[in-house]
Amino acid sequence: MTSPIGPLLFLGLIVFGPEKTLEIAQQIGRLLAQVKQAAGQFQQSALEPERDRQAVGAVSNPASPLQEPPAPTAASAHRLAIVRERFLTTLS
């Protein structure tokens, strides 16, 4: 598939001449830059309230709330008893 820009430029050169074609191309380029800038500003302004809500939510609702530690198993209770014994013997 070929790009239609080549034939359009050729047609513009024939109809308007080289100076006017260059001026029209510059105006189109400026217009496209303005549209792109306006779209970026609109997107940024549309996303700002969402960012604000996320920031407020992150402050009021922490991502990882404190949780109760898991219940000790028999093996961990045995290890804890050994550690306590050793600690108490070092204090004596």
N, C-alpha and C. Protein backbone atom coordinates (compact mmCIF):
# COMPACT_ATOMS: atom_id res chain seq x y z
N MET A 1 0.85 -1.17 0.00
CA MET A 1 0.00 0.00 0.00
C MET A 1 0.89 1.23 0.00
N THR A 2 0.61 2.16 -0.86
CA THR A 2 1.43 3.36 -0.96
C THR A 2 0.82 4.48 -0.15
N SER A 3 1.67 5.41 0.23
CA SER A 3 1.22 6.55 1.03
C SER A 3 0.62 7.60 0.11
N PRO A 4 -0.50 8.20 0.50
CA PRO A 4 -1.14 9.21 -0.35
C PRO A 4 -0.46 10.58 -0.25
N ILE A 5 0.58 10.70 0.59
CA ILE A 5 1.19 12.01 0.79
C ILE A 5 1.95 12.47 -0.45
N GLY A 6 2.59 11.53 -1.16
CA GLY A 6 3.36 11.90 -2.35
C GLY A 6 2.50 12.53 -3.44
N PRO A 7 1.45 11.85 -3.85
CA PRO A 7 0.58 12.46 -4.87
C PRO A 7 -0.06 13.77 -4.41
N LEU A 8 -0.37 13.87 -3.11
CA LEU A 8 -0.95 15.12 -2.61
C LEU A 8 0.05 16.26 -2.67
N LEU A 9 1.31 15.98 -2.32
CA LEU A 9 2.34 17.02 -2.42
C LEU A 9 2.54 17.45 -3.87
N PHE A 10 2.55 16.49 -4.75
CA PHE A 10 2.71 16.79 -6.18
C PHE A 10 1.54 17.66 -6.66
N LEU A 11 0.34 17.28 -6.28
CA LEU A 11 -0.85 18.05 -6.67
C LEU A 11 -0.79 19.46 -6.06
N GLY A 12 -0.33 19.55 -4.79
CA GLY A 12 -0.21 20.86 -4.15
C GLY A 12 0.80 21.74 -4.85
N LEU A 13 1.92 21.15 -5.29
CA LEU A 13 2.92 21.92 -6.03
C LEU A 13 2.36 22.47 -7.33
N ILE A 14 1.57 21.65 -8.00
CA ILE A 14 1.01 22.09 -9.28
C ILE A 14 -0.05 23.17 -9.07
N VAL A 15 -0.93 22.97 -8.08
CA VAL A 15 -2.05 23.90 -7.88
C VAL A 15 -1.60 25.20 -7.22
N PHE A 16 -0.79 25.11 -6.14
CA PHE A 16 -0.46 26.30 -5.36
C PHE A 16 0.93 26.87 -5.64
N GLY A 17 1.82 26.08 -6.18
CA GLY A 17 3.18 26.54 -6.39
C GLY A 17 4.05 26.18 -5.20
N PRO A 18 5.37 26.27 -5.34
CA PRO A 18 6.27 25.81 -4.28
C PRO A 18 6.19 26.64 -3.00
N GLU A 19 6.08 27.95 -3.09
CA GLU A 19 6.05 28.79 -1.87
C GLU A 19 4.78 28.55 -1.06
N LYS A 20 3.67 28.56 -1.74
CA LYS A 20 2.39 28.38 -1.05
C LYS A 20 2.27 26.96 -0.48
N THR A 21 2.78 25.96 -1.19
CA THR A 21 2.74 24.58 -0.71
C THR A 21 3.56 24.44 0.57
N LEU A 22 4.74 25.08 0.59
CA LEU A 22 5.58 25.05 1.79
C LEU A 22 4.88 25.74 2.96
N GLU A 23 4.24 26.86 2.70
CA GLU A 23 3.51 27.58 3.75
C GLU A 23 2.35 26.74 4.30
N ILE A 24 1.63 26.08 3.43
CA ILE A 24 0.51 25.22 3.84
C ILE A 24 1.02 24.05 4.67
N ALA A 25 2.14 23.45 4.25
CA ALA A 25 2.71 22.32 4.99
C ALA A 25 3.15 22.77 6.40
N GLN A 26 3.72 23.95 6.50
CA GLN A 26 4.12 24.47 7.81
C GLN A 26 2.91 24.71 8.70
N GLN A 27 1.85 25.25 8.14
CA GLN A 27 0.64 25.48 8.92
C GLN A 27 0.04 24.16 9.39
N ILE A 28 0.04 23.17 8.53
CA ILE A 28 -0.48 21.85 8.93
C ILE A 28 0.38 21.26 10.04
N GLY A 29 1.69 21.41 9.94
CA GLY A 29 2.59 20.91 10.98
C GLY A 29 2.35 21.59 12.32
N ARG A 30 2.17 22.92 12.30
CA ARG A 30 1.87 23.65 13.54
C ARG A 30 0.53 23.21 14.13
N LEU A 31 -0.46 23.03 13.26
CA LEU A 31 -1.77 22.60 13.72
C LEU A 31 -1.70 21.22 14.38
N LEU A 32 -0.97 20.30 13.76
CA LEU A 32 -0.83 18.97 14.33
C LEU A 32 -0.09 19.01 15.67
N ALA A 33 0.92 19.87 15.79
CA ALA A 33 1.65 20.00 17.06
C ALA A 33 0.73 20.55 18.15
N GLN A 34 -0.11 21.53 17.80
CA GLN A 34 -1.05 22.09 18.77
C GLN A 34 -2.08 21.04 19.21
N VAL A 35 -2.57 20.26 18.26
CA VAL A 35 -3.54 19.21 18.59
C VAL A 35 -2.91 18.18 19.52
N LYS A 36 -1.67 17.80 19.23
CA LYS A 36 -0.97 16.83 20.06
C LYS A 36 -0.75 17.39 21.47
N GLN A 37 -0.35 18.65 21.57
CA GLN A 37 -0.15 19.28 22.88
C GLN A 37 -1.46 19.37 23.65
N ALA A 38 -2.54 19.76 22.98
CA ALA A 38 -3.83 19.87 23.64
C ALA A 38 -4.32 18.50 24.12
N ALA A 39 -4.09 17.47 23.32
CA ALA A 39 -4.49 16.12 23.72
C ALA A 39 -3.70 15.67 24.94
N GLY A 40 -2.40 15.98 24.98
CA GLY A 40 -1.58 15.63 26.14
C GLY A 40 -2.04 16.35 27.39
N GLN A 41 -2.36 17.64 27.27
CA GLN A 41 -2.85 18.41 28.42
C GLN A 41 -4.19 17.88 28.89
N PHE A 42 -5.06 17.54 27.96
CA PHE A 42 -6.36 17.00 28.33
C PHE A 42 -6.21 15.67 29.06
N GLN A 43 -5.34 14.82 28.54
CA GLN A 43 -5.12 13.52 29.17
C GLN A 43 -4.54 13.70 30.57
N GLN A 44 -3.60 14.63 30.70
CA GLN A 44 -2.99 14.88 32.01
C GLN A 44 -4.03 15.42 32.99
N SER A 45 -4.86 16.36 32.56
CA SER A 45 -5.87 16.92 33.45
C SER A 45 -6.95 15.89 33.79
N ALA A 46 -7.21 14.98 32.87
CA ALA A 46 -8.21 13.95 33.14
C ALA A 46 -7.68 12.93 34.15
N LEU A 47 -6.37 12.70 34.16
CA LEU A 47 -5.78 11.72 35.07
C LEU A 47 -5.47 12.30 36.45
N GLU A 48 -5.38 13.62 36.59
CA GLU A 48 -5.04 14.23 37.88
C GLU A 48 -6.01 13.86 39.00
N PRO A 49 -7.33 13.93 38.79
CA PRO A 49 -8.23 13.54 39.89
C PRO A 49 -8.03 12.08 40.31
N GLU A 50 -7.76 11.21 39.35
CA GLU A 50 -7.53 9.80 39.68
C GLU A 50 -6.26 9.66 40.52
N ARG A 51 -5.21 10.39 40.16
CA ARG A 51 -3.96 10.33 40.95
C ARG A 51 -4.20 10.87 42.35
N ASP A 52 -4.99 11.94 42.45
CA ASP A 52 -5.29 12.50 43.77
C ASP A 52 -6.05 11.49 44.62
N ARG A 53 -7.04 10.82 44.02
CA ARG A 53 -7.80 9.81 44.78
C ARG A 53 -6.89 8.67 45.22
N GLN A 54 -5.98 8.25 44.36
CA GLN A 54 -5.06 7.18 44.71
C GLN A 54 -4.14 7.61 45.84
N ALA A 55 -3.66 8.86 45.79
CA ALA A 55 -2.76 9.34 46.83
C ALA A 55 -3.49 9.43 48.17
N VAL A 56 -4.72 9.91 48.17
CA VAL A 56 -5.49 10.01 49.41
C VAL A 56 -5.82 8.61 49.92
N GLY A 57 -6.17 7.71 49.01
CA GLY A 57 -6.48 6.34 49.41
C GLY A 57 -5.26 5.63 49.97
N ALA A 58 -4.09 5.92 49.42
CA ALA A 58 -2.88 5.27 49.91
C ALA A 58 -2.54 5.74 51.31
N VAL A 59 -2.87 7.00 51.63
CA VAL A 59 -2.57 7.52 52.96
C VAL A 59 -3.58 6.98 53.98
N SER A 60 -4.86 6.97 53.63
CA SER A 60 -5.87 6.54 54.58
C SER A 60 -5.99 5.02 54.67
N ASN A 61 -5.68 4.31 53.61
CA ASN A 61 -5.74 2.86 53.59
C ASN A 61 -4.37 2.30 53.25
N PRO A 62 -3.57 1.95 54.24
CA PRO A 62 -2.24 1.45 53.91
C PRO A 62 -2.32 0.19 53.06
N ALA A 63 -1.34 0.02 52.23
CA ALA A 63 -1.34 -1.11 51.30
C ALA A 63 -1.23 -2.45 52.03
N SER A 64 -0.46 -2.49 53.11
CA SER A 64 -0.30 -3.74 53.84
C SER A 64 -0.68 -3.51 55.31
N PRO A 65 -1.93 -3.73 55.65
CA PRO A 65 -2.35 -3.51 57.04
C PRO A 65 -1.68 -4.52 57.97
N LEU A 66 -1.56 -4.14 59.23
CA LEU A 66 -0.97 -5.04 60.22
C LEU A 66 -1.86 -6.26 60.39
N GLN A 67 -1.23 -7.41 60.44
CA GLN A 67 -1.98 -8.65 60.57
C GLN A 67 -1.48 -9.40 61.80
N GLU A 68 -2.33 -10.23 62.33
CA GLU A 68 -1.94 -11.07 63.45
C GLU A 68 -0.92 -12.09 62.98
N PRO A 69 0.09 -12.37 63.79
CA PRO A 69 1.03 -13.40 63.38
C PRO A 69 0.34 -14.76 63.40
N PRO A 70 0.84 -15.70 62.62
CA PRO A 70 0.20 -17.02 62.59
C PRO A 70 0.38 -17.72 63.93
N ALA A 71 -0.53 -18.60 64.23
CA ALA A 71 -0.46 -19.35 65.49
C ALA A 71 0.77 -20.24 65.47
N PRO A 72 1.44 -20.38 66.62
CA PRO A 72 2.65 -21.20 66.64
C PRO A 72 2.31 -22.68 66.46
N THR A 73 3.19 -23.34 65.75
CA THR A 73 3.04 -24.78 65.59
C THR A 73 3.78 -25.47 66.73
N ALA A 74 3.66 -26.78 66.82
CA ALA A 74 4.32 -27.53 67.89
C ALA A 74 5.84 -27.38 67.77
N ALA A 75 6.36 -27.43 66.55
CA ALA A 75 7.81 -27.32 66.36
C ALA A 75 8.30 -25.93 66.75
N SER A 76 7.56 -24.89 66.35
CA SER A 76 8.00 -23.54 66.70
C SER A 76 7.85 -23.30 68.20
N ALA A 77 6.84 -23.88 68.84
CA ALA A 77 6.69 -23.74 70.29
C ALA A 77 7.85 -24.42 71.00
N HIS A 78 8.30 -25.57 70.50
CA HIS A 78 9.44 -26.27 71.09
C HIS A 78 10.72 -25.43 70.94
N ARG A 79 10.94 -24.86 69.76
CA ARG A 79 12.12 -24.02 69.56
C ARG A 79 12.07 -22.80 70.45
N LEU A 80 10.91 -22.21 70.62
CA LEU A 80 10.76 -21.06 71.49
C LEU A 80 11.08 -21.42 72.94
N ALA A 81 10.68 -22.58 73.36
CA ALA A 81 10.97 -23.02 74.72
C ALA A 81 12.48 -23.19 74.91
N ILE A 82 13.16 -23.72 73.91
CA ILE A 82 14.61 -23.89 74.00
C ILE A 82 15.30 -22.54 74.08
N VAL A 83 14.87 -21.60 73.25
CA VAL A 83 15.47 -20.26 73.26
C VAL A 83 15.24 -19.58 74.61
N ARG A 84 14.04 -19.70 75.15
CA ARG A 84 13.75 -19.11 76.46
C ARG A 84 14.66 -19.70 77.54
N GLU A 85 14.81 -21.02 77.50
CA GLU A 85 15.68 -21.68 78.48
C GLU A 85 17.09 -21.14 78.41
N ARG A 86 17.63 -21.07 77.21
CA ARG A 86 19.00 -20.58 77.04
C ARG A 86 19.11 -19.13 77.50
N PHE A 87 18.12 -18.32 77.17
CA PHE A 87 18.14 -16.91 77.58
C PHE A 87 18.11 -16.78 79.09
N LEU A 88 17.22 -17.55 79.72
CA LEU A 88 17.11 -17.48 81.20
C LEU A 88 18.38 -17.98 81.87
N THR A 89 19.05 -18.98 81.29
CA THR A 89 20.29 -19.46 81.90
C THR A 89 21.42 -18.46 81.75
N THR A 90 21.38 -17.66 80.69
CA THR A 90 22.43 -16.63 80.52
C THR A 90 22.21 -15.49 81.50
N LEU A 91 20.97 -15.24 81.89
CA LEU A 91 20.69 -14.17 82.86
C LEU A 91 21.11 -14.58 84.28
N SER A 92 21.09 -15.86 84.58
CA SER A 92 21.43 -16.33 85.93
C SER A 92 22.90 -16.37 86.19
